Amino acid sequence: MTPLKKNLRTCSQGHPYYKSSDCPTCPICEQEQKPESGFLSLLVAPARRALEREGIITVEQLAKYSESDILELHGMGPSTIPKLQSALKAKGLTFRKGK
């Protein structure tokens, strides 16, 4: 199997980085934007961005959605659900029931 060729890119903030995919996300900017605490800090970048795009930045906001709603978001995978359930449980909350 031939390794993918990585292309040098520069983000709008001036960070140089290499990517082999068409993904425009700068890994340096992404690391700088990662929260240091809270439930979003427990998530991988695609899952965190999916919630942020939906306007979900607190556990209370997350509780207004069902698991299936969350899984439909681009960038969200099933391995993230247990982390979200734990964050909800810590606050005495759960996902909304149903669709």
N, C-alpha and C. Protein backbone atom coordinates (compact mmCIF):
# COMPACT_ATOMS: atom_id res chain seq x y z
N MET A 1 0.85 -1.18 0.00
CA MET A 1 0.00 0.00 0.00
C MET A 1 0.89 1.24 0.00
N THR A 2 0.63 2.15 -0.91
CA THR A 2 1.41 3.37 -1.04
C THR A 2 0.92 4.41 -0.04
N PRO A 3 1.85 5.01 0.72
CA PRO A 3 1.42 6.06 1.67
C PRO A 3 0.86 7.26 0.92
N LEU A 4 -0.11 7.90 1.54
CA LEU A 4 -0.71 9.09 0.94
C LEU A 4 0.29 10.25 0.97
N LYS A 5 0.28 11.03 -0.10
CA LYS A 5 1.16 12.19 -0.17
C LYS A 5 0.53 13.33 0.63
N LYS A 6 1.32 13.88 1.53
CA LYS A 6 0.83 15.00 2.33
C LYS A 6 1.27 16.30 1.68
N ASN A 7 0.32 17.22 1.62
CA ASN A 7 0.59 18.53 1.02
C ASN A 7 0.76 19.59 2.11
N LEU A 8 1.74 20.45 1.91
CA LEU A 8 1.95 21.55 2.83
C LEU A 8 0.89 22.62 2.57
N ARG A 9 0.24 23.03 3.64
CA ARG A 9 -0.78 24.07 3.56
C ARG A 9 -0.50 25.13 4.62
N THR A 10 -1.16 26.26 4.47
CA THR A 10 -1.06 27.32 5.47
C THR A 10 -2.48 27.79 5.75
N CYS A 11 -2.86 27.83 7.01
CA CYS A 11 -4.22 28.26 7.37
C CYS A 11 -4.31 29.78 7.37
N SER A 12 -5.49 30.28 7.59
CA SER A 12 -5.71 31.74 7.58
C SER A 12 -4.98 32.45 8.72
N GLN A 13 -4.59 31.69 9.74
CA GLN A 13 -3.83 32.27 10.86
C GLN A 13 -2.33 32.22 10.62
N GLY A 14 -1.92 31.63 9.46
CA GLY A 14 -0.51 31.57 9.12
C GLY A 14 0.22 30.33 9.59
N HIS A 15 -0.50 29.34 10.14
CA HIS A 15 0.14 28.10 10.60
C HIS A 15 0.40 27.18 9.41
N PRO A 16 1.64 26.74 9.22
CA PRO A 16 1.91 25.74 8.19
C PRO A 16 1.58 24.35 8.75
N TYR A 17 0.98 23.49 7.93
CA TYR A 17 0.66 22.13 8.34
C TYR A 17 0.55 21.24 7.11
N TYR A 18 0.70 19.94 7.31
CA TYR A 18 0.60 18.97 6.22
C TYR A 18 -0.69 18.19 6.34
N LYS A 19 -1.36 17.97 5.21
CA LYS A 19 -2.58 17.17 5.17
C LYS A 19 -2.57 16.33 3.90
N SER A 20 -3.07 15.11 4.02
CA SER A 20 -3.19 14.25 2.85
C SER A 20 -4.63 14.23 2.34
N SER A 21 -5.55 14.76 3.11
CA SER A 21 -6.96 14.78 2.71
C SER A 21 -7.35 16.20 2.29
N ASP A 22 -8.61 16.33 1.88
CA ASP A 22 -9.14 17.65 1.51
C ASP A 22 -9.64 18.43 2.72
N CYS A 23 -9.54 17.86 3.89
CA CYS A 23 -10.03 18.52 5.11
C CYS A 23 -9.28 19.84 5.31
N PRO A 24 -10.02 20.95 5.42
CA PRO A 24 -9.38 22.26 5.56
C PRO A 24 -8.99 22.62 6.99
N THR A 25 -9.25 21.75 7.94
CA THR A 25 -9.01 22.08 9.35
C THR A 25 -7.53 22.07 9.68
N CYS A 26 -7.07 23.17 10.21
CA CYS A 26 -5.68 23.30 10.65
C CYS A 26 -5.53 22.62 12.01
N PRO A 27 -4.63 21.65 12.13
CA PRO A 27 -4.48 20.96 13.42
C PRO A 27 -3.96 21.87 14.53
N ILE A 28 -3.21 22.88 14.18
CA ILE A 28 -2.68 23.81 15.19
C ILE A 28 -3.81 24.67 15.74
N CYS A 29 -4.63 25.22 14.85
CA CYS A 29 -5.79 26.02 15.29
C CYS A 29 -6.74 25.15 16.10
N GLU A 30 -6.94 23.92 15.65
CA GLU A 30 -7.85 23.01 16.33
C GLU A 30 -7.40 22.75 17.76
N GLN A 31 -6.11 22.54 17.95
CA GLN A 31 -5.58 22.31 19.30
C GLN A 31 -5.73 23.55 20.17
N GLU A 32 -5.55 24.73 19.58
CA GLU A 32 -5.69 25.97 20.33
C GLU A 32 -7.14 26.22 20.75
N GLN A 33 -8.10 25.71 19.98
CA GLN A 33 -9.52 25.93 20.27
C GLN A 33 -10.10 24.89 21.22
N LYS A 34 -9.36 23.81 21.48
CA LYS A 34 -9.88 22.75 22.34
C LYS A 34 -10.04 23.26 23.77
N PRO A 35 -11.24 23.10 24.33
CA PRO A 35 -11.45 23.55 25.71
C PRO A 35 -10.58 22.75 26.68
N GLU A 36 -10.17 23.39 27.76
CA GLU A 36 -9.34 22.73 28.76
C GLU A 36 -10.17 21.94 29.76
N SER A 37 -11.45 22.29 29.89
CA SER A 37 -12.32 21.59 30.83
C SER A 37 -13.73 21.51 30.26
N GLY A 38 -14.58 20.81 30.98
CA GLY A 38 -15.95 20.64 30.53
C GLY A 38 -16.09 19.42 29.63
N PHE A 39 -17.32 19.08 29.32
CA PHE A 39 -17.56 17.85 28.57
C PHE A 39 -17.01 17.90 27.15
N LEU A 40 -16.93 19.09 26.55
CA LEU A 40 -16.39 19.19 25.20
C LEU A 40 -14.90 18.86 25.15
N SER A 41 -14.20 19.05 26.26
CA SER A 41 -12.77 18.74 26.30
C SER A 41 -12.50 17.24 26.25
N LEU A 42 -13.51 16.42 26.51
CA LEU A 42 -13.37 14.96 26.51
C LEU A 42 -13.52 14.36 25.11
N LEU A 43 -13.97 15.16 24.16
CA LEU A 43 -14.32 14.65 22.84
C LEU A 43 -13.22 14.85 21.81
N VAL A 44 -13.21 13.96 20.81
CA VAL A 44 -12.31 14.15 19.68
C VAL A 44 -12.81 15.35 18.88
N ALA A 45 -11.91 15.96 18.12
CA ALA A 45 -12.22 17.20 17.41
C ALA A 45 -13.45 17.12 16.50
N PRO A 46 -13.63 16.07 15.68
CA PRO A 46 -14.81 16.06 14.81
C PRO A 46 -16.12 16.06 15.59
N ALA A 47 -16.16 15.32 16.69
CA ALA A 47 -17.38 15.27 17.52
C ALA A 47 -17.62 16.61 18.19
N ARG A 48 -16.55 17.22 18.70
CA ARG A 48 -16.68 18.53 19.36
C ARG A 48 -17.18 19.58 18.37
N ARG A 49 -16.61 19.59 17.17
CA ARG A 49 -17.04 20.55 16.16
C ARG A 49 -18.50 20.33 15.76
N ALA A 50 -18.92 19.07 15.69
CA ALA A 50 -20.31 18.75 15.33
C ALA A 50 -21.26 19.37 16.35
N LEU A 51 -20.95 19.22 17.63
CA LEU A 51 -21.82 19.80 18.67
C LEU A 51 -21.77 21.32 18.63
N GLU A 52 -20.59 21.88 18.46
CA GLU A 52 -20.46 23.34 18.42
C GLU A 52 -21.23 23.92 17.22
N ARG A 53 -21.16 23.25 16.07
CA ARG A 53 -21.91 23.73 14.89
C ARG A 53 -23.41 23.74 15.16
N GLU A 54 -23.86 22.80 15.98
CA GLU A 54 -25.28 22.70 16.33
C GLU A 54 -25.65 23.68 17.45
N GLY A 55 -24.65 24.34 18.05
CA GLY A 55 -24.89 25.29 19.13
C GLY A 55 -24.97 24.62 20.49
N ILE A 56 -24.46 23.39 20.59
CA ILE A 56 -24.49 22.64 21.85
C ILE A 56 -23.14 22.81 22.52
N ILE A 57 -23.11 23.67 23.54
CA ILE A 57 -21.85 23.91 24.24
C ILE A 57 -21.96 23.65 25.75
N THR A 58 -23.18 23.32 26.21
CA THR A 58 -23.36 22.97 27.62
C THR A 58 -24.07 21.62 27.70
N VAL A 59 -23.92 20.97 28.82
CA VAL A 59 -24.59 19.68 29.05
C VAL A 59 -26.11 19.88 29.06
N GLU A 60 -26.55 21.00 29.58
CA GLU A 60 -27.99 21.28 29.61
C GLU A 60 -28.56 21.38 28.20
N GLN A 61 -27.82 21.98 27.29
CA GLN A 61 -28.26 22.04 25.90
C GLN A 61 -28.25 20.65 25.27
N LEU A 62 -27.25 19.85 25.61
CA LEU A 62 -27.15 18.48 25.09
C LEU A 62 -28.37 17.65 25.50
N ALA A 63 -28.88 17.86 26.71
CA ALA A 63 -30.01 17.09 27.22
C ALA A 63 -31.30 17.33 26.43
N LYS A 64 -31.34 18.36 25.62
CA LYS A 64 -32.53 18.66 24.81
C LYS A 64 -32.58 17.80 23.54
N TYR A 65 -31.55 17.00 23.30
CA TYR A 65 -31.45 16.18 22.10
C TYR A 65 -31.53 14.70 22.46
N SER A 66 -32.00 13.89 21.53
CA SER A 66 -31.99 12.44 21.71
C SER A 66 -30.64 11.90 21.21
N GLU A 67 -30.33 10.68 21.60
CA GLU A 67 -29.10 10.05 21.11
C GLU A 67 -29.10 10.00 19.59
N SER A 68 -30.24 9.65 19.02
CA SER A 68 -30.30 9.53 17.55
C SER A 68 -30.10 10.90 16.88
N ASP A 69 -30.60 11.97 17.51
CA ASP A 69 -30.35 13.32 16.97
C ASP A 69 -28.84 13.59 16.91
N ILE A 70 -28.16 13.25 17.98
CA ILE A 70 -26.72 13.51 18.08
C ILE A 70 -25.95 12.66 17.08
N LEU A 71 -26.32 11.40 16.94
CA LEU A 71 -25.62 10.52 16.01
C LEU A 71 -25.80 10.93 14.55
N GLU A 72 -26.83 11.70 14.26
CA GLU A 72 -27.05 12.18 12.89
C GLU A 72 -26.12 13.33 12.51
N LEU A 73 -25.49 13.95 13.49
CA LEU A 73 -24.61 15.08 13.21
C LEU A 73 -23.33 14.61 12.51
N HIS A 74 -22.94 15.33 11.48
CA HIS A 74 -21.72 15.00 10.76
C HIS A 74 -20.52 15.15 11.68
N GLY A 75 -19.73 14.09 11.79
CA GLY A 75 -18.55 14.11 12.65
C GLY A 75 -18.76 13.39 13.97
N MET A 76 -19.99 12.96 14.22
CA MET A 76 -20.32 12.29 15.47
C MET A 76 -20.31 10.78 15.24
N GLY A 77 -19.64 10.06 16.11
CA GLY A 77 -19.60 8.60 16.01
C GLY A 77 -20.17 7.94 17.25
N PRO A 78 -20.51 6.66 17.15
CA PRO A 78 -21.10 5.95 18.28
C PRO A 78 -20.19 5.85 19.50
N SER A 79 -18.88 5.91 19.31
CA SER A 79 -17.96 5.82 20.45
C SER A 79 -18.02 7.06 21.34
N THR A 80 -18.60 8.13 20.84
CA THR A 80 -18.71 9.37 21.61
C THR A 80 -19.89 9.34 22.58
N ILE A 81 -20.91 8.56 22.26
CA ILE A 81 -22.14 8.53 23.07
C ILE A 81 -21.87 8.20 24.54
N PRO A 82 -21.05 7.18 24.87
CA PRO A 82 -20.79 6.91 26.30
C PRO A 82 -20.18 8.10 27.04
N LYS A 83 -19.32 8.86 26.38
CA LYS A 83 -18.72 10.05 27.01
C LYS A 83 -19.79 11.10 27.27
N LEU A 84 -20.70 11.25 26.31
CA LEU A 84 -21.78 12.23 26.48
C LEU A 84 -22.75 11.78 27.56
N GLN A 85 -23.04 10.48 27.61
CA GLN A 85 -23.93 9.95 28.65
C GLN A 85 -23.33 10.19 30.04
N SER A 86 -22.03 9.99 30.16
CA SER A 86 -21.35 10.23 31.44
C SER A 86 -21.45 11.69 31.86
N ALA A 87 -21.24 12.58 30.90
CA ALA A 87 -21.33 14.01 31.19
C ALA A 87 -22.74 14.39 31.62
N LEU A 88 -23.74 13.84 30.95
CA LEU A 88 -25.13 14.10 31.33
C LEU A 88 -25.43 13.55 32.72
N LYS A 89 -25.01 12.31 32.97
CA LYS A 89 -25.27 11.67 34.26
C LYS A 89 -24.65 12.45 35.42
N ALA A 90 -23.45 13.00 35.20
CA ALA A 90 -22.76 13.77 36.24
C ALA A 90 -23.57 14.99 36.66
N LYS A 91 -24.42 15.48 35.77
CA LYS A 91 -25.28 16.64 36.07
C LYS A 91 -26.71 16.23 36.38
N GLY A 92 -26.96 14.91 36.50
CA GLY A 92 -28.31 14.42 36.79
C GLY A 92 -29.25 14.53 35.59
N LEU A 93 -28.68 14.50 34.39
CA LEU A 93 -29.48 14.65 33.17
C LEU A 93 -29.36 13.40 32.30
N THR A 94 -30.21 13.31 31.29
CA THR A 94 -30.15 12.24 30.30
C THR A 94 -30.47 12.82 28.93
N PHE A 95 -30.23 12.03 27.90
CA PHE A 95 -30.68 12.43 26.57
C PHE A 95 -32.20 12.46 26.55
N ARG A 96 -32.77 13.30 25.71
CA ARG A 96 -34.21 13.35 25.52
C ARG A 96 -34.63 12.00 24.97
N LYS A 97 -35.75 11.51 25.38
CA LYS A 97 -36.28 10.23 24.91
C LYS A 97 -36.92 10.41 23.55
N GLY A 98 -36.79 9.39 22.71
CA GLY A 98 -37.43 9.43 21.40
C GLY A 98 -36.60 10.19 20.40
N LYS A 99 -37.17 10.42 19.25
CA LYS A 99 -36.49 11.09 18.15
C LYS A 99 -36.57 12.56 18.26
